[in-house]
Amino acid sequence: METNLKKNTIDLGVKLGTILFVVTAVIYIIDIKLFTNFSTMLAYMIPALAFSIYSVFSARKLQNQIISFKEAFIAYFLCIAIGYLIVTMGNIALFKFIDPGAADLIHEEIMIASKEMLENFGTPSDVISATMDEMQNNHSFSYTAIFQNYANALLRNAIFGLIIAAIFKKS
């Protein structure tokens, strides 16, 4: 992949990361409990998908509409990896250093929502109790959990990236 393609993709990844962190900051300011809401996930997924698809489209355009599968995948995945890395570092700064109490509140809300979901599915109380103990011991904003979430986002997006690269490739 040419340098200008990588440069363009990195630039889009930085913009994506900035937008995702701004979304995080806005949600943080409005109501911390929104972090446990499903539609909040969409507030991250939609811009990520849009930016990464635009990254592939832009890379293809820079190469006169001819792009290999590998180049299309790299354009998609590099944009996502950089964007999510920026928002992950922002989350560490926000929830580990600036306001660790917010991380505790979000973790408690996640535990409550998980317990309610398990109860709605008719899960036995001993399983619910064991799950709550496990969640209590594994904080949602531990460094391990934060980096696991980053890795999971990369894995999820690698699958989408393969599909997008197959669609946009043109030899």
N, C-alpha and C. Protein backbone atom coordinates (compact mmCIF):
# COMPACT_ATOMS: atom_id res chain seq x y z
N MET A 1 0.85 -1.17 0.00
CA MET A 1 0.00 0.00 0.00
C MET A 1 0.90 1.24 0.00
N GLU A 2 0.60 2.17 -0.84
CA GLU A 2 1.40 3.38 -0.94
C GLU A 2 1.30 4.21 0.33
N THR A 3 2.31 5.06 0.51
CA THR A 3 2.38 5.90 1.70
C THR A 3 1.18 6.81 1.83
N ASN A 4 0.72 7.41 0.71
CA ASN A 4 -0.42 8.33 0.79
C ASN A 4 -1.70 7.60 1.17
N LEU A 5 -1.82 6.33 0.82
CA LEU A 5 -3.00 5.57 1.24
C LEU A 5 -2.97 5.33 2.74
N LYS A 6 -1.80 4.94 3.26
CA LYS A 6 -1.66 4.73 4.70
C LYS A 6 -1.88 6.04 5.45
N LYS A 7 -1.31 7.11 4.92
CA LYS A 7 -1.45 8.42 5.55
C LYS A 7 -2.93 8.83 5.61
N ASN A 8 -3.65 8.62 4.54
CA ASN A 8 -5.07 8.94 4.48
C ASN A 8 -5.86 8.08 5.48
N THR A 9 -5.54 6.80 5.53
CA THR A 9 -6.23 5.89 6.44
C THR A 9 -5.94 6.24 7.90
N ILE A 10 -4.69 6.56 8.20
CA ILE A 10 -4.34 6.95 9.57
C ILE A 10 -5.05 8.24 9.95
N ASP A 11 -5.12 9.19 9.03
CA ASP A 11 -5.82 10.45 9.28
C ASP A 11 -7.30 10.19 9.59
N LEU A 12 -7.92 9.33 8.81
CA LEU A 12 -9.33 9.00 9.07
C LEU A 12 -9.49 8.27 10.41
N GLY A 13 -8.54 7.42 10.76
CA GLY A 13 -8.58 6.73 12.05
C GLY A 13 -8.47 7.70 13.22
N VAL A 14 -7.63 8.70 13.08
CA VAL A 14 -7.50 9.72 14.13
C VAL A 14 -8.80 10.50 14.26
N LYS A 15 -9.38 10.86 13.13
CA LYS A 15 -10.67 11.57 13.16
C LYS A 15 -11.76 10.70 13.79
N LEU A 16 -11.77 9.42 13.44
CA LEU A 16 -12.75 8.50 14.02
C LEU A 16 -12.57 8.42 15.53
N GLY A 17 -11.34 8.24 15.98
CA GLY A 17 -11.07 8.16 17.41
C GLY A 17 -11.49 9.41 18.15
N THR A 18 -11.24 10.55 17.54
CA THR A 18 -11.64 11.83 18.15
C THR A 18 -13.15 11.91 18.27
N ILE A 19 -13.85 11.55 17.21
CA ILE A 19 -15.32 11.59 17.25
C ILE A 19 -15.86 10.62 18.29
N LEU A 20 -15.31 9.42 18.34
CA LEU A 20 -15.78 8.43 19.32
C LEU A 20 -15.52 8.90 20.75
N PHE A 21 -14.39 9.56 20.97
CA PHE A 21 -14.14 10.06 22.32
C PHE A 21 -15.06 11.23 22.65
N VAL A 22 -15.36 12.06 21.66
CA VAL A 22 -16.32 13.15 21.89
C VAL A 22 -17.69 12.54 22.25
N VAL A 23 -18.08 11.47 21.56
CA VAL A 23 -19.34 10.78 21.90
C VAL A 23 -19.27 10.29 23.35
N THR A 24 -18.15 9.71 23.74
CA THR A 24 -17.98 9.25 25.11
C THR A 24 -18.12 10.41 26.09
N ALA A 25 -17.48 11.52 25.79
CA ALA A 25 -17.54 12.68 26.67
C ALA A 25 -18.96 13.24 26.77
N VAL A 26 -19.66 13.28 25.66
CA VAL A 26 -21.05 13.79 25.67
C VAL A 26 -21.94 12.87 26.51
N ILE A 27 -21.79 11.56 26.33
CA ILE A 27 -22.58 10.62 27.12
C ILE A 27 -22.23 10.76 28.60
N TYR A 28 -20.96 10.92 28.89
CA TYR A 28 -20.49 11.10 30.27
C TYR A 28 -21.13 12.34 30.88
N ILE A 29 -21.21 13.42 30.11
CA ILE A 29 -21.78 14.67 30.61
C ILE A 29 -23.29 14.56 30.78
N ILE A 30 -23.97 13.94 29.82
CA ILE A 30 -25.43 13.86 29.86
C ILE A 30 -25.90 12.94 30.98
N ASP A 31 -25.49 11.67 30.95
CA ASP A 31 -25.92 10.72 31.97
C ASP A 31 -25.05 9.47 31.88
N ILE A 32 -24.32 9.21 32.92
CA ILE A 32 -23.40 8.07 32.95
C ILE A 32 -24.14 6.75 32.73
N LYS A 33 -25.37 6.67 33.15
CA LYS A 33 -26.13 5.42 33.02
C LYS A 33 -26.39 5.05 31.56
N LEU A 34 -26.22 6.00 30.64
CA LEU A 34 -26.42 5.72 29.22
C LEU A 34 -25.35 4.75 28.68
N PHE A 35 -24.24 4.61 29.39
CA PHE A 35 -23.20 3.68 28.94
C PHE A 35 -23.68 2.23 28.97
N THR A 36 -24.74 1.94 29.70
CA THR A 36 -25.27 0.58 29.75
C THR A 36 -26.41 0.37 28.77
N ASN A 37 -26.75 1.38 28.00
CA ASN A 37 -27.85 1.33 27.06
C ASN A 37 -27.39 0.77 25.72
N PHE A 38 -28.20 -0.09 25.10
CA PHE A 38 -27.86 -0.70 23.82
C PHE A 38 -27.67 0.34 22.72
N SER A 39 -28.51 1.36 22.71
CA SER A 39 -28.41 2.37 21.65
C SER A 39 -27.10 3.15 21.74
N THR A 40 -26.49 3.16 22.91
CA THR A 40 -25.18 3.79 23.04
C THR A 40 -24.15 3.04 22.21
N MET A 41 -24.26 1.72 22.16
CA MET A 41 -23.36 0.94 21.32
C MET A 41 -23.47 1.38 19.87
N LEU A 42 -24.68 1.70 19.44
CA LEU A 42 -24.88 2.17 18.07
C LEU A 42 -24.19 3.51 17.84
N ALA A 43 -24.11 4.33 18.89
CA ALA A 43 -23.44 5.61 18.77
C ALA A 43 -21.95 5.43 18.51
N TYR A 44 -21.41 4.25 18.79
CA TYR A 44 -20.03 3.94 18.49
C TYR A 44 -19.91 3.17 17.17
N MET A 45 -20.83 2.25 16.95
CA MET A 45 -20.72 1.37 15.79
C MET A 45 -20.99 2.08 14.47
N ILE A 46 -21.97 2.96 14.45
CA ILE A 46 -22.34 3.64 13.20
C ILE A 46 -21.22 4.53 12.69
N PRO A 47 -20.65 5.43 13.52
CA PRO A 47 -19.53 6.23 12.99
C PRO A 47 -18.32 5.37 12.62
N ALA A 48 -18.05 4.33 13.41
CA ALA A 48 -16.91 3.46 13.11
C ALA A 48 -17.09 2.78 11.76
N LEU A 49 -18.26 2.26 11.52
CA LEU A 49 -18.54 1.61 10.25
C LEU A 49 -18.49 2.61 9.10
N ALA A 50 -19.06 3.78 9.31
CA ALA A 50 -19.08 4.81 8.25
C ALA A 50 -17.66 5.27 7.91
N PHE A 51 -16.86 5.57 8.93
CA PHE A 51 -15.49 6.03 8.68
C PHE A 51 -14.65 4.96 8.00
N SER A 52 -14.79 3.72 8.46
CA SER A 52 -13.95 2.66 7.90
C SER A 52 -14.35 2.34 6.46
N ILE A 53 -15.63 2.37 6.16
CA ILE A 53 -16.06 2.16 4.77
C ILE A 53 -15.59 3.33 3.91
N TYR A 54 -15.69 4.54 4.43
CA TYR A 54 -15.19 5.70 3.70
C TYR A 54 -13.68 5.58 3.49
N SER A 55 -12.97 5.03 4.45
CA SER A 55 -11.53 4.83 4.32
C SER A 55 -11.21 3.91 3.14
N VAL A 56 -11.96 2.84 3.00
CA VAL A 56 -11.77 1.92 1.87
C VAL A 56 -12.13 2.62 0.56
N PHE A 57 -13.25 3.31 0.56
CA PHE A 57 -13.69 4.03 -0.64
C PHE A 57 -12.65 5.06 -1.05
N SER A 58 -12.12 5.77 -0.07
CA SER A 58 -11.12 6.80 -0.33
C SER A 58 -9.82 6.18 -0.84
N ALA A 59 -9.41 5.06 -0.27
CA ALA A 59 -8.20 4.37 -0.73
C ALA A 59 -8.38 3.91 -2.17
N ARG A 60 -9.55 3.40 -2.47
CA ARG A 60 -9.83 2.96 -3.84
C ARG A 60 -9.79 4.13 -4.81
N LYS A 61 -10.34 5.25 -4.38
CA LYS A 61 -10.35 6.45 -5.22
C LYS A 61 -8.93 6.96 -5.47
N LEU A 62 -8.08 6.90 -4.44
CA LEU A 62 -6.68 7.34 -4.59
C LEU A 62 -5.91 6.48 -5.58
N GLN A 63 -6.36 5.27 -5.80
CA GLN A 63 -5.67 4.36 -6.72
C GLN A 63 -6.43 4.17 -8.03
N ASN A 64 -7.16 5.18 -8.42
CA ASN A 64 -7.91 5.14 -9.68
C ASN A 64 -8.89 3.98 -9.75
N GLN A 65 -9.59 3.74 -8.67
CA GLN A 65 -10.64 2.72 -8.57
C GLN A 65 -10.13 1.29 -8.60
N ILE A 66 -8.82 1.10 -8.49
CA ILE A 66 -8.28 -0.26 -8.48
C ILE A 66 -7.62 -0.50 -7.13
N ILE A 67 -8.16 -1.46 -6.38
CA ILE A 67 -7.63 -1.77 -5.05
C ILE A 67 -7.73 -3.27 -4.82
N SER A 68 -6.67 -3.82 -4.27
CA SER A 68 -6.67 -5.25 -3.99
C SER A 68 -7.45 -5.53 -2.71
N PHE A 69 -7.76 -6.79 -2.49
CA PHE A 69 -8.45 -7.20 -1.28
C PHE A 69 -7.62 -6.82 -0.05
N LYS A 70 -6.32 -7.09 -0.11
CA LYS A 70 -5.42 -6.78 1.00
C LYS A 70 -5.40 -5.29 1.30
N GLU A 71 -5.29 -4.46 0.28
CA GLU A 71 -5.27 -3.01 0.48
C GLU A 71 -6.60 -2.51 1.04
N ALA A 72 -7.70 -3.06 0.56
CA ALA A 72 -9.02 -2.66 1.06
C ALA A 72 -9.16 -3.04 2.53
N PHE A 73 -8.71 -4.25 2.87
CA PHE A 73 -8.80 -4.68 4.27
C PHE A 73 -7.93 -3.83 5.17
N ILE A 74 -6.71 -3.52 4.73
CA ILE A 74 -5.82 -2.69 5.53
C ILE A 74 -6.41 -1.29 5.72
N ALA A 75 -6.99 -0.73 4.67
CA ALA A 75 -7.61 0.59 4.78
C ALA A 75 -8.75 0.57 5.79
N TYR A 76 -9.54 -0.49 5.78
CA TYR A 76 -10.64 -0.62 6.74
C TYR A 76 -10.10 -0.82 8.15
N PHE A 77 -9.25 -1.81 8.31
CA PHE A 77 -8.83 -2.24 9.65
C PHE A 77 -7.92 -1.22 10.33
N LEU A 78 -7.03 -0.60 9.59
CA LEU A 78 -6.13 0.40 10.17
C LEU A 78 -6.92 1.59 10.71
N CYS A 79 -7.93 2.02 9.98
CA CYS A 79 -8.80 3.11 10.43
C CYS A 79 -9.47 2.73 11.75
N ILE A 80 -10.03 1.53 11.81
CA ILE A 80 -10.70 1.06 13.02
C ILE A 80 -9.72 0.93 14.18
N ALA A 81 -8.57 0.31 13.93
CA ALA A 81 -7.59 0.06 14.99
C ALA A 81 -7.13 1.38 15.62
N ILE A 82 -6.85 2.37 14.80
CA ILE A 82 -6.41 3.66 15.33
C ILE A 82 -7.54 4.38 16.04
N GLY A 83 -8.72 4.38 15.45
CA GLY A 83 -9.87 5.04 16.07
C GLY A 83 -10.20 4.45 17.43
N TYR A 84 -10.29 3.13 17.51
CA TYR A 84 -10.61 2.50 18.78
C TYR A 84 -9.46 2.61 19.78
N LEU A 85 -8.22 2.66 19.31
CA LEU A 85 -7.10 2.85 20.23
C LEU A 85 -7.19 4.22 20.90
N ILE A 86 -7.53 5.24 20.13
CA ILE A 86 -7.66 6.59 20.68
C ILE A 86 -8.78 6.64 21.72
N VAL A 87 -9.94 6.08 21.39
CA VAL A 87 -11.05 6.12 22.35
C VAL A 87 -10.73 5.25 23.57
N THR A 88 -9.99 4.17 23.40
CA THR A 88 -9.60 3.33 24.53
C THR A 88 -8.67 4.10 25.46
N MET A 89 -7.69 4.80 24.89
CA MET A 89 -6.79 5.61 25.71
C MET A 89 -7.56 6.74 26.40
N GLY A 90 -8.52 7.31 25.71
CA GLY A 90 -9.37 8.33 26.32
C GLY A 90 -10.19 7.77 27.47
N ASN A 91 -10.71 6.56 27.30
CA ASN A 91 -11.47 5.92 28.38
C ASN A 91 -10.60 5.64 29.58
N ILE A 92 -9.36 5.23 29.34
CA ILE A 92 -8.44 4.99 30.46
C ILE A 92 -8.21 6.30 31.21
N ALA A 93 -7.95 7.37 30.46
CA ALA A 93 -7.73 8.67 31.11
C ALA A 93 -8.97 9.11 31.89
N LEU A 94 -10.13 8.98 31.27
CA LEU A 94 -11.37 9.43 31.91
C LEU A 94 -11.77 8.58 33.10
N PHE A 95 -11.79 7.27 32.92
CA PHE A 95 -12.35 6.39 33.95
C PHE A 95 -11.34 5.81 34.93
N LYS A 96 -10.06 5.92 34.63
CA LYS A 96 -9.06 5.43 35.58
C LYS A 96 -8.39 6.57 36.35
N PHE A 97 -8.29 7.75 35.73
CA PHE A 97 -7.57 8.84 36.38
C PHE A 97 -8.46 10.02 36.74
N ILE A 98 -9.29 10.48 35.82
CA ILE A 98 -10.09 11.68 36.06
C ILE A 98 -11.27 11.39 36.98
N ASP A 99 -12.04 10.34 36.67
CA ASP A 99 -13.23 10.04 37.48
C ASP A 99 -13.43 8.53 37.66
N PRO A 100 -12.63 7.92 38.52
CA PRO A 100 -12.79 6.48 38.75
C PRO A 100 -14.16 6.13 39.37
N GLY A 101 -14.77 7.09 40.06
CA GLY A 101 -16.09 6.86 40.63
C GLY A 101 -17.14 6.60 39.56
N ALA A 102 -16.99 7.26 38.42
CA ALA A 102 -17.91 7.04 37.30
C ALA A 102 -17.78 5.61 36.80
N ALA A 103 -16.56 5.10 36.75
CA ALA A 103 -16.34 3.71 36.31
C ALA A 103 -17.03 2.75 37.27
N ASP A 104 -16.95 3.04 38.56
CA ASP A 104 -17.62 2.18 39.55
C ASP A 104 -19.14 2.22 39.38
N LEU A 105 -19.68 3.41 39.13
CA LEU A 105 -21.13 3.54 38.92
C LEU A 105 -21.58 2.78 37.68
N ILE A 106 -20.83 2.91 36.59
CA ILE A 106 -21.17 2.19 35.36
C ILE A 106 -21.09 0.70 35.59
N HIS A 107 -20.06 0.26 36.30
CA HIS A 107 -19.91 -1.17 36.61
C HIS A 107 -21.11 -1.68 37.40
N GLU A 108 -21.55 -0.92 38.39
CA GLU A 108 -22.73 -1.30 39.18
C GLU A 108 -23.98 -1.39 38.30
N GLU A 109 -24.13 -0.42 37.40
CA GLU A 109 -25.29 -0.43 36.49
C GLU A 109 -25.25 -1.64 35.56
N ILE A 110 -24.06 -2.00 35.11
CA ILE A 110 -23.91 -3.19 34.26
C ILE A 110 -24.30 -4.44 35.05
N MET A 111 -23.89 -4.49 36.30
CA MET A 111 -24.23 -5.64 37.15
C MET A 111 -25.74 -5.73 37.36
N ILE A 112 -26.38 -4.60 37.61
CA ILE A 112 -27.84 -4.57 37.81
C ILE A 112 -28.55 -5.03 36.54
N ALA A 113 -28.14 -4.48 35.40
CA ALA A 113 -28.76 -4.85 34.13
C ALA A 113 -28.55 -6.33 33.83
N SER A 114 -27.36 -6.85 34.13
CA SER A 114 -27.08 -8.27 33.90
C SER A 114 -27.94 -9.15 34.79
N LYS A 115 -28.08 -8.76 36.04
CA LYS A 115 -28.90 -9.53 36.98
C LYS A 115 -30.35 -9.56 36.52
N GLU A 116 -30.87 -8.41 36.11
CA GLU A 116 -32.26 -8.34 35.63
C GLU A 116 -32.45 -9.21 34.40
N MET A 117 -31.47 -9.19 33.48
CA MET A 117 -31.57 -9.99 32.28
C MET A 117 -31.57 -11.48 32.63
N LEU A 118 -30.69 -11.88 33.54
CA LEU A 118 -30.65 -13.29 33.95
C LEU A 118 -31.95 -13.71 34.62
N GLU A 119 -32.51 -12.83 35.45
CA GLU A 119 -33.78 -13.14 36.11
C GLU A 119 -34.91 -13.26 35.08
N ASN A 120 -34.90 -12.39 34.07
CA ASN A 120 -35.93 -12.44 33.03
C ASN A 120 -35.85 -13.74 32.22
N PHE A 121 -34.65 -14.30 32.10
CA PHE A 121 -34.48 -15.56 31.39
C PHE A 121 -34.76 -16.77 32.28
N GLY A 122 -35.10 -16.52 33.54
CA GLY A 122 -35.42 -17.62 34.46
C GLY A 122 -34.19 -18.40 34.92
N THR A 123 -33.06 -17.74 34.98
CA THR A 123 -31.82 -18.38 35.42
C THR A 123 -31.92 -18.69 36.91
N PRO A 124 -31.46 -19.88 37.31
CA PRO A 124 -31.50 -20.25 38.74
C PRO A 124 -30.72 -19.24 39.60
N SER A 125 -31.17 -19.05 40.83
CA SER A 125 -30.57 -18.04 41.70
C SER A 125 -29.12 -18.33 42.04
N ASP A 126 -28.73 -19.61 42.12
CA ASP A 126 -27.33 -19.90 42.42
C ASP A 126 -26.42 -19.50 41.26
N VAL A 127 -26.91 -19.64 40.03
CA VAL A 127 -26.13 -19.22 38.86
C VAL A 127 -26.03 -17.69 38.83
N ILE A 128 -27.13 -17.02 39.14
CA ILE A 128 -27.13 -15.55 39.19
C ILE A 128 -26.13 -15.07 40.25
N SER A 129 -26.17 -15.72 41.41
CA SER A 129 -25.26 -15.35 42.50
C SER A 129 -23.80 -15.54 42.09
N ALA A 130 -23.51 -16.65 41.45
CA ALA A 130 -22.13 -16.92 40.99
C ALA A 130 -21.71 -15.90 39.94
N THR A 131 -22.62 -15.55 39.05
CA THR A 131 -22.32 -14.57 38.01
C THR A 131 -22.06 -13.20 38.63
N MET A 132 -22.86 -12.82 39.61
CA MET A 132 -22.67 -11.53 40.28
C MET A 132 -21.34 -11.50 41.03
N ASP A 133 -20.97 -12.62 41.68
CA ASP A 133 -19.67 -12.69 42.36
C ASP A 133 -18.53 -12.53 41.35
N GLU A 134 -18.66 -13.20 40.23
CA GLU A 134 -17.65 -13.10 39.17
C GLU A 134 -17.54 -11.68 38.67
N MET A 135 -18.67 -11.03 38.43
CA MET A 135 -18.66 -9.65 37.94
C MET A 135 -18.08 -8.70 38.99
N GLN A 136 -18.37 -8.97 40.25
CA GLN A 136 -17.84 -8.13 41.33
C GLN A 136 -16.32 -8.20 41.37
N ASN A 137 -15.78 -9.39 41.11
CA ASN A 137 -14.33 -9.59 41.16
C ASN A 137 -13.62 -9.13 39.89
N ASN A 138 -14.36 -8.96 38.80
CA ASN A 138 -13.77 -8.54 37.52
C ASN A 138 -14.41 -7.24 37.07
N HIS A 139 -13.83 -6.15 37.51
CA HIS A 139 -14.38 -4.81 37.24
C HIS A 139 -14.39 -4.53 35.74
N SER A 140 -15.46 -3.92 35.27
CA SER A 140 -15.63 -3.60 33.85
C SER A 140 -14.60 -2.60 33.34
N PHE A 141 -13.99 -1.84 34.25
CA PHE A 141 -13.01 -0.84 33.85
C PHE A 141 -11.62 -1.14 34.39
N SER A 142 -11.35 -2.41 34.61
CA SER A 142 -9.97 -2.78 34.92
C SER A 142 -9.17 -2.66 33.63
N TYR A 143 -7.86 -2.55 33.76
CA TYR A 143 -7.03 -2.46 32.55
C TYR A 143 -7.24 -3.69 31.67
N THR A 144 -7.35 -4.84 32.29
CA THR A 144 -7.57 -6.07 31.53
C THR A 144 -8.87 -6.00 30.74
N ALA A 145 -9.95 -5.57 31.40
CA ALA A 145 -11.25 -5.49 30.73
C ALA A 145 -11.24 -4.45 29.61
N ILE A 146 -10.57 -3.33 29.85
CA ILE A 146 -10.51 -2.28 28.83
C ILE A 146 -9.80 -2.79 27.59
N PHE A 147 -8.66 -3.47 27.78
CA PHE A 147 -7.92 -3.97 26.62
C PHE A 147 -8.61 -5.17 25.98
N GLN A 148 -9.35 -5.95 26.76
CA GLN A 148 -10.15 -7.03 26.17
C GLN A 148 -11.26 -6.45 25.30
N ASN A 149 -11.88 -5.37 25.75
CA ASN A 149 -12.91 -4.71 24.94
C ASN A 149 -12.31 -4.18 23.64
N TYR A 150 -11.09 -3.64 23.71
CA TYR A 150 -10.41 -3.16 22.51
C TYR A 150 -10.15 -4.33 21.55
N ALA A 151 -9.65 -5.43 22.09
CA ALA A 151 -9.37 -6.61 21.26
C ALA A 151 -10.66 -7.17 20.65
N ASN A 152 -11.73 -7.21 21.44
CA ASN A 152 -13.02 -7.69 20.92
C ASN A 152 -13.53 -6.78 19.81
N ALA A 153 -13.36 -5.47 19.97
CA ALA A 153 -13.79 -4.53 18.92
C ALA A 153 -12.99 -4.77 17.64
N LEU A 154 -11.69 -5.02 17.79
CA LEU A 154 -10.87 -5.30 16.61
C LEU A 154 -11.30 -6.59 15.94
N LEU A 155 -11.57 -7.61 16.73
CA LEU A 155 -12.00 -8.90 16.17
C LEU A 155 -13.33 -8.76 15.44
N ARG A 156 -14.29 -8.11 16.07
CA ARG A 156 -15.59 -7.89 15.44
C ARG A 156 -15.42 -7.15 14.13
N ASN A 157 -14.61 -6.11 14.16
CA ASN A 157 -14.44 -5.29 12.97
C ASN A 157 -13.58 -5.97 11.91
N ALA A 158 -12.74 -6.90 12.31
CA ALA A 158 -11.97 -7.66 11.32
C ALA A 158 -12.94 -8.47 10.45
N ILE A 159 -13.97 -9.00 11.06
CA ILE A 159 -14.97 -9.76 10.30
C ILE A 159 -15.69 -8.84 9.32
N PHE A 160 -16.14 -7.67 9.81
CA PHE A 160 -16.78 -6.71 8.92
C PHE A 160 -15.79 -6.26 7.84
N GLY A 161 -14.54 -6.08 8.22
CA GLY A 161 -13.51 -5.63 7.28
C GLY A 161 -13.31 -6.61 6.13
N LEU A 162 -13.37 -7.90 6.44
CA LEU A 162 -13.24 -8.91 5.38
C LEU A 162 -14.38 -8.80 4.38
N ILE A 163 -15.57 -8.59 4.89
CA ILE A 163 -16.75 -8.46 4.01
C ILE A 163 -16.64 -7.19 3.17
N ILE A 164 -16.31 -6.08 3.80
CA ILE A 164 -16.19 -4.80 3.09
C ILE A 164 -15.07 -4.88 2.04
N ALA A 165 -13.94 -5.47 2.41
CA ALA A 165 -12.82 -5.59 1.47
C ALA A 165 -13.22 -6.43 0.26
N ALA A 166 -14.00 -7.48 0.49
CA ALA A 166 -14.45 -8.32 -0.62
C ALA A 166 -15.40 -7.54 -1.55
N ILE A 167 -16.20 -6.69 -0.97
CA ILE A 167 -17.14 -5.89 -1.76
C ILE A 167 -16.41 -4.82 -2.59
N PHE A 168 -15.44 -4.14 -1.98
CA PHE A 168 -14.79 -3.00 -2.62
C PHE A 168 -13.59 -3.36 -3.48
N LYS A 169 -13.06 -4.56 -3.35
CA LYS A 169 -11.84 -4.89 -4.12
C LYS A 169 -12.12 -4.85 -5.62
N LYS A 170 -11.13 -4.39 -6.33
CA LYS A 170 -11.23 -4.34 -7.78
C LYS A 170 -9.82 -4.45 -8.33
N SER A 171 -9.54 -5.53 -9.01
CA SER A 171 -8.19 -5.76 -9.52
C SER A 171 -8.06 -5.26 -10.94
